[in-house]
Amino acid sequence: MHWLLLAQLWTSTPHTLPMLLEGNWQSCDDNERAVDYCVNGECQWTLHMGPRDEFGLYRYPGPEGEHNHLSDDNMLSPDIYASDPDTRRGQIRKTVPILGIVVDIRQAGGSGCESFYVKVEKQP
């Protein structure tokens, strides 16, 4: 298993099964980063983080270039925003049966930047 990390502000943390992905995402600008989940050289899905508090989950390889996270291809849609400016306690939690995973994104606070704890695990 390996990860293709394309993010400067993505910090992966050690994990064990059933955890597939775990880390922190901090978005200070309008950029978007992607993490591809691959097993034995075969990629299955890609998680798009950003801009700011937007998230997208797509079958690999996912969209490239300009795209809208509210599209039907985004398996998190319509719940693509993970922040609540009033409480600073935003969250996306979604089970994606077709991929057999649960995605849990929680706002982690921060000053001047959007910060999130991101976790993807196998569906129980």
Protein backbone atom coordinates (compact mmCIF):
# COMPACT_ATOMS: atom_id res chain seq x y z
CA MET A 1 0.00 0.00 0.00
CA HIS A 2 1.31 3.47 -0.77
CA TRP A 3 0.09 7.03 -0.81
CA LEU A 4 0.63 9.63 -3.46
CA LEU A 5 0.78 12.84 -1.47
CA LEU A 6 0.50 16.04 -3.46
CA ALA A 7 0.06 18.46 -0.60
CA GLN A 8 2.44 20.83 1.10
CA LEU A 9 0.11 21.30 4.04
CA TRP A 10 -1.01 17.68 4.42
CA THR A 11 0.43 15.78 7.36
CA SER A 12 -0.18 12.04 7.44
CA THR A 13 -0.21 10.24 10.77
CA PRO A 14 0.61 6.56 11.38
CA HIS A 15 -2.42 4.28 11.37
CA THR A 16 -3.46 0.66 11.35
CA LEU A 17 -6.39 -1.15 9.73
CA PRO A 18 -9.27 -0.49 9.49
CA MET A 19 -7.85 3.05 9.09
CA LEU A 20 -6.92 3.74 5.45
CA LEU A 21 -5.99 7.42 5.69
CA GLU A 22 -5.48 9.72 8.63
CA GLY A 23 -3.94 13.17 8.87
CA ASN A 24 -4.34 16.93 9.09
CA TRP A 25 -5.16 19.30 6.24
CA GLN A 26 -4.53 23.01 6.52
CA SER A 27 -5.76 25.30 3.77
CA CYS A 28 -4.46 28.86 3.79
CA ASP A 29 -5.29 29.76 0.21
CA ASP A 30 -7.43 28.78 -2.77
CA ASN A 31 -5.31 25.76 -3.72
CA GLU A 32 -6.57 22.21 -3.85
CA ARG A 33 -4.56 19.09 -3.01
CA ALA A 34 -5.33 15.44 -3.69
CA VAL A 35 -4.45 12.18 -1.97
CA ASP A 36 -4.80 8.98 -4.02
CA TYR A 37 -5.50 5.68 -2.26
CA CYS A 38 -3.70 2.80 -3.97
CA VAL A 39 -3.24 -0.88 -3.11
CA ASN A 40 -0.67 -3.04 -4.91
CA GLY A 41 -0.24 -0.38 -7.58
CA GLU A 42 -3.96 -0.11 -8.32
CA CYS A 43 -5.51 3.20 -7.29
CA GLN A 44 -9.11 3.08 -6.08
CA TRP A 45 -10.13 6.59 -5.06
CA THR A 46 -8.84 10.11 -4.66
CA LEU A 47 -9.67 12.62 -1.92
CA HIS A 48 -9.59 16.28 -2.95
CA MET A 49 -8.98 18.78 -0.14
CA GLY A 50 -9.56 22.49 -0.69
CA PRO A 51 -9.94 25.14 -1.68
CA ARG A 52 -10.48 26.22 1.91
CA ASP A 53 -13.21 24.02 3.48
CA GLU A 54 -14.30 22.12 0.33
CA PHE A 55 -13.79 18.38 -0.05
CA GLY A 56 -14.40 15.87 -2.81
CA LEU A 57 -14.16 12.08 -3.02
CA TYR A 58 -13.91 10.51 -6.46
CA ARG A 59 -13.19 7.17 -8.06
CA TYR A 60 -9.60 7.23 -9.25
CA PRO A 61 -8.29 9.20 -11.14
CA GLY A 62 -10.89 11.86 -10.36
CA PRO A 63 -11.24 15.23 -12.08
CA GLU A 64 -8.27 17.31 -13.13
CA GLY A 65 -8.05 21.02 -13.74
CA GLU A 66 -11.07 23.21 -13.04
CA HIS A 67 -13.98 21.23 -11.60
CA ASN A 68 -16.99 21.68 -9.35
CA HIS A 69 -17.16 19.71 -6.10
CA LEU A 70 -20.96 19.87 -6.29
CA SER A 71 -20.88 17.57 -9.33
CA ASP A 72 -22.61 14.19 -9.31
CA ASP A 73 -19.17 12.51 -9.51
CA ASN A 74 -18.29 13.71 -5.99
CA MET A 75 -19.35 10.96 -3.59
CA LEU A 76 -19.47 13.48 -0.72
CA SER A 77 -21.87 15.81 -2.55
CA PRO A 78 -23.92 17.69 -1.47
CA ASP A 79 -22.03 17.78 1.85
CA ILE A 80 -18.77 19.22 0.52
CA TYR A 81 -18.15 21.97 3.10
CA ALA A 82 -16.55 21.03 6.43
CA SER A 83 -16.61 24.31 8.31
CA ASP A 84 -19.09 26.23 10.40
CA PRO A 85 -17.92 29.84 10.75
CA ASP A 86 -20.13 30.39 13.81
CA THR A 87 -19.07 27.43 15.95
CA ARG A 88 -15.75 26.47 14.27
CA ARG A 89 -16.92 22.87 14.73
CA GLY A 90 -17.83 21.85 11.20
CA GLN A 91 -17.88 18.24 10.08
CA ILE A 92 -18.50 15.88 7.18
CA ARG A 93 -19.17 12.25 8.05
CA LYS A 94 -20.29 10.04 5.22
CA THR A 95 -20.46 6.33 4.54
CA VAL A 96 -19.65 5.46 0.93
CA PRO A 97 -20.90 1.88 0.44
CA ILE A 98 -19.72 1.58 -3.18
CA LEU A 99 -16.11 2.00 -1.94
CA GLY A 100 -16.69 0.31 1.44
CA ILE A 101 -15.36 3.32 3.38
CA VAL A 102 -16.38 5.92 5.94
CA VAL A 103 -15.03 9.46 5.52
CA ASP A 104 -14.81 11.65 8.64
CA ILE A 105 -13.61 15.26 8.28
CA ARG A 106 -13.71 17.56 11.31
CA GLN A 107 -12.82 21.21 11.58
CA ALA A 108 -9.83 21.67 13.87
CA GLY A 109 -9.81 25.42 14.38
CA GLY A 110 -6.77 27.48 13.54
CA SER A 111 -5.91 31.09 13.03
CA GLY A 112 -6.12 32.61 9.57
CA CYS A 113 -6.21 29.21 7.85
CA GLU A 114 -8.79 26.46 7.67
CA SER A 115 -7.59 23.34 9.54
CA PHE A 116 -9.16 19.87 9.46
CA TYR A 117 -8.63 16.38 10.86
CA VAL A 118 -9.24 13.87 8.05
CA LYS A 119 -9.87 10.17 8.57
CA VAL A 120 -10.93 7.47 6.10
CA GLU A 121 -11.54 3.94 7.34
CA LYS A 122 -13.04 0.70 6.12
CA GLN A 123 -16.80 0.49 6.53
CA PRO A 124 -17.68 -1.71 9.52
